[in-house]
C-alpha atoms as a PDB file:
ATOM      1  CA  MET A   1       4.830  36.201  -5.205  1.00  0.00           C
ATOM      2  CA  LYS A   2       5.290  35.513  -1.491  1.00  0.00           C
ATOM      3  CA  SER A   3       8.237  33.520  -0.315  1.00  0.00           C
ATOM      4  CA  ILE A   4       8.099  30.823   2.354  1.00  0.00           C
ATOM      5  CA  ASN A   5      11.548  29.913   3.707  1.00  0.00           C
ATOM      6  CA  GLY A   6      13.158  31.090   0.480  1.00  0.00           C
ATOM      7  CA  LEU A   7      10.748  29.207  -1.798  1.00  0.00           C
ATOM      8  CA  SER A   8       7.974  30.949  -3.677  1.00  0.00           C
ATOM      9  CA  ARG A   9       4.486  29.465  -3.636  1.00  0.00           C
ATOM     10  CA  ARG A  10       4.889  28.727  -7.335  1.00  0.00           C
ATOM     11  CA  ASN A  11       8.082  26.729  -6.735  1.00  0.00           C
ATOM     12  CA  MET A  12       6.437  24.893  -3.842  1.00  0.00           C
ATOM     13  CA  LEU A  13       3.514  23.924  -6.084  1.00  0.00           C
ATOM     14  CA  LEU A  14       5.914  22.799  -8.810  1.00  0.00           C
ATOM     15  CA  LEU A  15       7.886  20.677  -6.333  1.00  0.00           C
ATOM     16  CA  GLY A  16       4.664  19.237  -4.910  1.00  0.00           C
ATOM     17  CA  GLY A  17       3.458  18.450  -8.443  1.00  0.00           C
ATOM     18  CA  ALA A  18       6.761  16.750  -9.227  1.00  0.00           C
ATOM     19  CA  ALA A  19       6.439  14.697  -6.052  1.00  0.00           C
ATOM     20  CA  LEU A  20       2.921  13.634  -7.025  1.00  0.00           C
ATOM     21  CA  GLY A  21       4.177  12.777 -10.503  1.00  0.00           C
ATOM     22  CA  LEU A  22       6.884  10.580  -9.011  1.00  0.00           C
ATOM     23  CA  ALA A  23       4.365   8.899  -6.752  1.00  0.00           C
ATOM     24  CA  ALA A  24       2.027   8.264  -9.704  1.00  0.00           C
ATOM     25  CA  CYS A  25       4.598   6.207 -11.605  1.00  0.00           C
ATOM     26  CA  SER A  26       3.093   2.840 -12.450  1.00  0.00           C
ATOM     27  CA  ASN A  27       4.978  -0.205 -11.322  1.00  0.00           C
ATOM     28  CA  ALA A  28       3.640  -2.644 -13.924  1.00  0.00           C
ATOM     29  CA  VAL A  29       3.376  -1.126 -17.384  1.00  0.00           C
ATOM     30  CA  GLY A  30       3.967  -2.430 -20.871  1.00  0.00           C
ATOM     31  CA  GLN A  31       3.713  -5.916 -22.242  1.00  0.00           C
ATOM     32  CA  ASP A  32       2.809  -8.704 -19.851  1.00  0.00           C
ATOM     33  CA  ALA A  33       1.975  -6.244 -17.068  1.00  0.00           C
ATOM     34  CA  GLU A  34      -0.194  -8.875 -15.362  1.00  0.00           C
ATOM     35  CA  GLY A  35       2.623 -11.428 -15.335  1.00  0.00           C
ATOM     36  CA  ARG A  36       5.143  -8.944 -13.966  1.00  0.00           C
ATOM     37  CA  LEU A  37       2.740  -7.726 -11.295  1.00  0.00           C
ATOM     38  CA  ASP A  38       1.913 -11.309 -10.288  1.00  0.00           C
ATOM     39  CA  ALA A  39       5.658 -12.043 -10.046  1.00  0.00           C
ATOM     40  CA  ARG A  40       6.089  -9.017  -7.753  1.00  0.00           C
ATOM     41  CA  VAL A  41       3.154 -10.182  -5.649  1.00  0.00           C
ATOM     42  CA  ASP A  42       4.761 -13.640  -5.356  1.00  0.00           C
ATOM     43  CA  ALA A  43       8.046 -12.042  -4.263  1.00  0.00           C
ATOM     44  CA  THR A  44       6.241  -9.843  -1.728  1.00  0.00           C
ATOM     45  CA  ARG A  45       4.352 -12.812  -0.289  1.00  0.00           C
ATOM     46  CA  ASN A  46       7.572 -14.844  -0.034  1.00  0.00           C
ATOM     47  CA  PHE A  47       9.429 -11.939   1.617  1.00  0.00           C
ATOM     48  CA  LEU A  48       6.626 -11.465   4.137  1.00  0.00           C
ATOM     49  CA  LEU A  49       6.452 -15.136   5.080  1.00  0.00           C
ATOM     50  CA  GLN A  50      10.252 -15.574   5.247  1.00  0.00           C
ATOM     51  CA  ASN A  51      10.875 -12.458   7.333  1.00  0.00           C
ATOM     52  CA  TYR A  52       7.734 -12.510   9.481  1.00  0.00           C
ATOM     53  CA  PRO A  53       6.750 -16.195   9.840  1.00  0.00           C
ATOM     54  CA  GLY A  54       4.249 -15.290  12.554  1.00  0.00           C
ATOM     55  CA  ALA A  55       2.056 -13.795   9.812  1.00  0.00           C
ATOM     56  CA  ALA A  56       1.650 -17.205   8.118  1.00  0.00           C
ATOM     57  CA  PRO A  57      -1.414 -18.327  10.130  1.00  0.00           C
ATOM     58  CA  MET A  58      -3.227 -15.060   9.335  1.00  0.00           C
ATOM     59  CA  ILE A  59      -2.377 -15.351   5.624  1.00  0.00           C
ATOM     60  CA  GLU A  60      -3.403 -19.018   5.499  1.00  0.00           C
ATOM     61  CA  ASN A  61      -6.724 -18.402   7.288  1.00  0.00           C
ATOM     62  CA  ALA A  62      -7.558 -15.144   5.491  1.00  0.00           C
ATOM     63  CA  LYS A  63     -10.623 -14.836   3.295  1.00  0.00           C
ATOM     64  CA  GLY A  64      -8.451 -12.762   0.962  1.00  0.00           C
ATOM     65  CA  VAL A  65      -5.156 -10.847   0.920  1.00  0.00           C
ATOM     66  CA  LEU A  66      -4.406  -7.702  -1.055  1.00  0.00           C
ATOM     67  CA  TYR A  67      -0.680  -7.562  -1.801  1.00  0.00           C
ATOM     68  CA  MET A  68       0.770  -4.158  -2.717  1.00  0.00           C
ATOM     69  CA  PRO A  69       4.389  -4.951  -3.661  1.00  0.00           C
ATOM     70  CA  LEU A  70       5.573  -1.393  -4.194  1.00  0.00           C
ATOM     71  CA  MET A  71       4.079   1.858  -2.979  1.00  0.00           C
ATOM     72  CA  THR A  72       6.047   4.938  -4.000  1.00  0.00           C
ATOM     73  CA  GLU A  73       5.487   7.995  -1.818  1.00  0.00           C
ATOM     74  CA  ALA A  74       6.954  11.465  -2.204  1.00  0.00           C
ATOM     75  CA  GLY A  75       6.207  14.804  -0.638  1.00  0.00           C
ATOM     76  CA  PHE A  76       7.301  18.370  -0.230  1.00  0.00           C
ATOM     77  CA  GLY A  77       4.434  20.080   1.556  1.00  0.00           C
ATOM     78  CA  PHE A  78       2.049  18.294  -0.788  1.00  0.00           C
ATOM     79  CA  GLY A  79       2.553  14.593  -1.186  1.00  0.00           C
ATOM     80  CA  GLY A  80       1.176  11.491  -2.739  1.00  0.00           C
ATOM     81  CA  ALA A  81       1.646   7.777  -3.054  1.00  0.00           C
ATOM     82  CA  TYR A  82       0.791   5.265  -5.761  1.00  0.00           C
ATOM     83  CA  GLY A  83       1.088   1.543  -6.277  1.00  0.00           C
ATOM     84  CA  GLN A  84      -0.507  -1.471  -7.918  1.00  0.00           C
ATOM     85  CA  GLY A  85      -1.195  -4.894  -6.524  1.00  0.00           C
ATOM     86  CA  ALA A  86      -3.335  -7.978  -6.621  1.00  0.00           C
ATOM     87  CA  LEU A  87      -6.094  -9.435  -4.491  1.00  0.00           C
ATOM     88  CA  ARG A  88      -5.615 -13.118  -3.879  1.00  0.00           C
ATOM     89  CA  ILE A  89      -8.140 -15.602  -2.579  1.00  0.00           C
ATOM     90  CA  ASN A  90      -6.751 -19.045  -1.735  1.00  0.00           C
ATOM     91  CA  ASN A  91      -3.427 -17.730  -3.110  1.00  0.00           C
ATOM     92  CA  ALA A  92      -4.895 -17.184  -6.595  1.00  0.00           C
ATOM     93  CA  THR A  93      -5.142 -13.706  -8.121  1.00  0.00           C
ATOM     94  CA  VAL A  94      -8.781 -12.685  -8.589  1.00  0.00           C
ATOM     95  CA  ASP A  95      -8.469  -8.911  -9.203  1.00  0.00           C
ATOM     96  CA  TYR A  96      -5.897  -6.169  -9.657  1.00  0.00           C
ATOM     97  CA  TYR A  97      -5.996  -2.901  -7.717  1.00  0.00           C
ATOM     98  CA  SER A  98      -4.342   0.492  -7.713  1.00  0.00           C
ATOM     99  CA  ALA A  99      -3.792   2.452  -4.523  1.00  0.00           C
ATOM    100  CA  THR A 100      -3.542   6.238  -4.390  1.00  0.00           C
ATOM    101  CA  GLN A 101      -2.997   8.599  -1.509  1.00  0.00           C
ATOM    102  CA  ALA A 102      -2.696  12.389  -1.315  1.00  0.00           C
ATOM    103  CA  SER A 103      -1.563  14.430   1.670  1.00  0.00           C
ATOM    104  CA  VAL A 104      -0.826  17.992   2.726  1.00  0.00           C
ATOM    105  CA  GLY A 105       1.332  19.012   5.659  1.00  0.00           C
ATOM    106  CA  PHE A 106       4.874  18.933   6.923  1.00  0.00           C
ATOM    107  CA  GLN A 107       6.592  16.319   4.791  1.00  0.00           C
ATOM    108  CA  ILE A 108       9.795  16.249   2.795  1.00  0.00           C
ATOM    109  CA  GLY A 109      11.303  13.255   1.059  1.00  0.00           C
ATOM    110  CA  ALA A 110      10.439  10.059  -0.728  1.00  0.00           C
ATOM    111  CA  GLN A 111      10.140   6.412   0.214  1.00  0.00           C
ATOM    112  CA  GLN A 112       8.981   3.061  -1.032  1.00  0.00           C
ATOM    113  CA  TYR A 113       7.334   0.289   0.919  1.00  0.00           C
ATOM    114  CA  ALA A 114       5.177  -2.792   0.553  1.00  0.00           C
ATOM    115  CA  HIS A 115       1.979  -3.538   2.382  1.00  0.00           C
ATOM    116  CA  VAL A 116      -0.767  -6.103   2.615  1.00  0.00           C
ATOM    117  CA  LEU A 117      -4.377  -5.968   3.690  1.00  0.00           C
ATOM    118  CA  ILE A 118      -5.475  -9.228   5.278  1.00  0.00           C
ATOM    119  CA  PHE A 119      -9.246  -9.702   5.114  1.00  0.00           C
ATOM    120  CA  GLN A 120     -10.236 -12.002   7.950  1.00  0.00           C
ATOM    121  CA  THR A 121     -14.013 -12.054   7.442  1.00  0.00           C
ATOM    122  CA  ASP A 122     -16.233 -12.706   4.442  1.00  0.00           C
ATOM    123  CA  ALA A 123     -18.085  -9.437   5.141  1.00  0.00           C
ATOM    124  CA  ALA A 124     -14.889  -7.341   5.114  1.00  0.00           C
ATOM    125  CA  LEU A 125     -13.765  -8.946   1.845  1.00  0.00           C
ATOM    126  CA  ALA A 126     -17.211  -8.459   0.269  1.00  0.00           C
ATOM    127  CA  ASP A 127     -17.254  -4.768   1.322  1.00  0.00           C
ATOM    128  CA  PHE A 128     -13.818  -4.245  -0.208  1.00  0.00           C
ATOM    129  CA  ARG A 129     -14.674  -5.969  -3.496  1.00  0.00           C
ATOM    130  CA  SER A 130     -18.042  -4.248  -3.936  1.00  0.00           C
ATOM    131  CA  ALA A 131     -16.828  -0.705  -3.198  1.00  0.00           C
ATOM    132  CA  PRO A 132     -16.078   1.481  -6.236  1.00  0.00           C
ATOM    133  CA  GLY A 133     -13.167   2.969  -4.268  1.00  0.00           C
ATOM    134  CA  TRP A 134     -12.472   1.523  -0.824  1.00  0.00           C
ATOM    135  CA  VAL A 135     -10.629   3.901   1.518  1.00  0.00           C
ATOM    136  CA  ALA A 136      -8.448   2.702   4.388  1.00  0.00           C
ATOM    137  CA  GLU A 137      -9.585   4.339   7.601  1.00  0.00           C
ATOM    138  CA  ALA A 138      -7.295   6.124  10.038  1.00  0.00           C
ATOM    139  CA  ASP A 139      -8.354   3.719  12.772  1.00  0.00           C
ATOM    140  CA  ALA A 140      -7.452   0.613  10.753  1.00  0.00           C
ATOM    141  CA  TYR A 141      -5.680  -2.066  12.741  1.00  0.00           C
ATOM    142  CA  TYR A 142      -1.976  -2.056  11.896  1.00  0.00           C
ATOM    143  CA  ALA A 143       0.327  -4.953  12.622  1.00  0.00           C
ATOM    144  CA  LEU A 144       3.705  -3.286  12.275  1.00  0.00           C
ATOM    145  CA  PRO A 145       6.601  -5.705  12.084  1.00  0.00           C
ATOM    146  CA  SER A 146       9.992  -4.108  12.651  1.00  0.00           C
ATOM    147  CA  ARG A 147      13.538  -5.374  12.814  1.00  0.00           C
ATOM    148  CA  GLY A 148      12.576  -9.026  12.566  1.00  0.00           C
ATOM    149  CA  LEU A 149      10.094  -9.059  15.433  1.00  0.00           C
ATOM    150  CA  ALA A 150       7.761 -12.004  15.193  1.00  0.00           C
ATOM    151  CA  LEU A 151       4.204 -11.097  14.358  1.00  0.00           C
ATOM    152  CA  GLY A 152       1.669 -13.552  15.652  1.00  0.00           C
ATOM    153  CA  ALA A 153      -2.039 -13.984  15.217  1.00  0.00           C
ATOM    154  CA  ASP A 154      -2.744 -12.810  18.747  1.00  0.00           C
ATOM    155  CA  THR A 155      -6.206 -12.329  20.214  1.00  0.00           C
ATOM    156  CA  ILE A 156      -6.423  -8.628  19.283  1.00  0.00           C
ATOM    157  CA  THR A 157      -5.308  -9.224  15.688  1.00  0.00           C
ATOM    158  CA  ALA A 158      -7.673 -12.174  15.294  1.00  0.00           C
ATOM    159  CA  GLN A 159     -10.673  -9.993  16.212  1.00  0.00           C
ATOM    160  CA  GLN A 160     -10.034  -7.407  13.490  1.00  0.00           C
ATOM    161  CA  PRO A 161     -11.899  -7.761  10.163  1.00  0.00           C
ATOM    162  CA  VAL A 162      -8.979  -6.204   8.233  1.00  0.00           C
ATOM    163  CA  VAL A 163      -5.340  -6.158   9.328  1.00  0.00           C
ATOM    164  CA  ALA A 164      -2.799  -3.976   7.513  1.00  0.00           C
ATOM    165  CA  MET A 165       0.922  -4.728   7.524  1.00  0.00           C
ATOM    166  CA  ILE A 166       3.528  -2.292   6.204  1.00  0.00           C
ATOM    167  CA  PHE A 167       7.059  -3.588   5.644  1.00  0.00           C
ATOM    168  CA  GLY A 168      10.169  -3.293   3.489  1.00  0.00           C
ATOM    169  CA  GLN A 169      10.456   0.484   3.867  1.00  0.00           C
ATOM    170  CA  SER A 170      13.315   2.344   2.230  1.00  0.00           C
ATOM    171  CA  GLY A 171      13.810   6.016   1.580  1.00  0.00           C
ATOM    172  CA  LEU A 172      14.112   9.361   3.295  1.00  0.00           C
ATOM    173  CA  MET A 173      10.686   9.781   4.922  1.00  0.00           C
ATOM    174  CA  ALA A 174       9.849   8.778   8.466  1.00  0.00           C
ATOM    175  CA  GLY A 175       7.016   6.308   8.863  1.00  0.00           C
ATOM    176  CA  ALA A 176       4.422   5.005   6.467  1.00  0.00           C
ATOM    177  CA  SER A 177       0.678   4.823   6.791  1.00  0.00           C
ATOM    178  CA  ILE A 178      -2.093   3.626   4.560  1.00  0.00           C
ATOM    179  CA  ALA A 179      -4.726   5.774   6.289  1.00  0.00           C
ATOM    180  CA  GLY A 180      -6.640   7.612   3.582  1.00  0.00           C
ATOM    181  CA  THR A 181      -5.348   5.359   0.810  1.00  0.00           C
ATOM    182  CA  LYS A 182      -7.990   4.700  -1.844  1.00  0.00           C
ATOM    183  CA  TYR A 183      -8.021   1.269  -3.482  1.00  0.00           C
ATOM    184  CA  SER A 184      -9.671   0.906  -6.884  1.00  0.00           C
ATOM    185  CA  ARG A 185     -10.063  -2.185  -9.030  1.00  0.00           C
ATOM    186  CA  VAL A 186      -8.240  -1.906 -12.342  1.00  0.00           C
ATOM    187  CA  ILE A 187      -8.697  -3.804 -15.568  1.00  0.00           C
ATOM    188  CA  PRO A 188      -5.381  -5.360 -16.690  1.00  0.00           C
ATOM    189  CA  SER A 189      -5.535  -3.658 -20.107  1.00  0.00           C
ATOM    190  CA  THR A 190      -5.419  -0.255 -18.350  1.00  0.00           C
ATOM    191  CA  PHE A 191      -2.075  -0.835 -16.606  1.00  0.00           C
END
């Protein structure tokens, strides 16, 4: 078997599989999974509004907000990410979603982060809810808060049908992106 930088292809595949397994860990399993996931969504919403108060007008005026409290991403050549969250309309949970992402390329490490998708139009929300598996596009509009910078509902942000915010990153990977992430509605009993 050929070796790449001292690692055989077999070992690389095993490490990549382990990384995908780590990323596929559910973050709301067992009894009262809905209640625990809703509590995490509440905490994520509170964290977002406390740390980035400029996001409040967008959240308040949104047609819907998908909160993903914990995305776990890992990679070693092959990578993946997984998380679960809730779609809220008027701050009430209406559906639960899982998010999955797979990637290939130069990547080593693991990280966790939270993100939200803010649906600013009825059409964007309807497209998301009716899709059997909605995929975030590479050209999605990202509002990236960092180091306490205020995020405001500026003219550019206000014109976007969907705004993505990634925050609360921790781990050993540089950057986070939701491009290519597939969101699928889940039934609570399947958590």
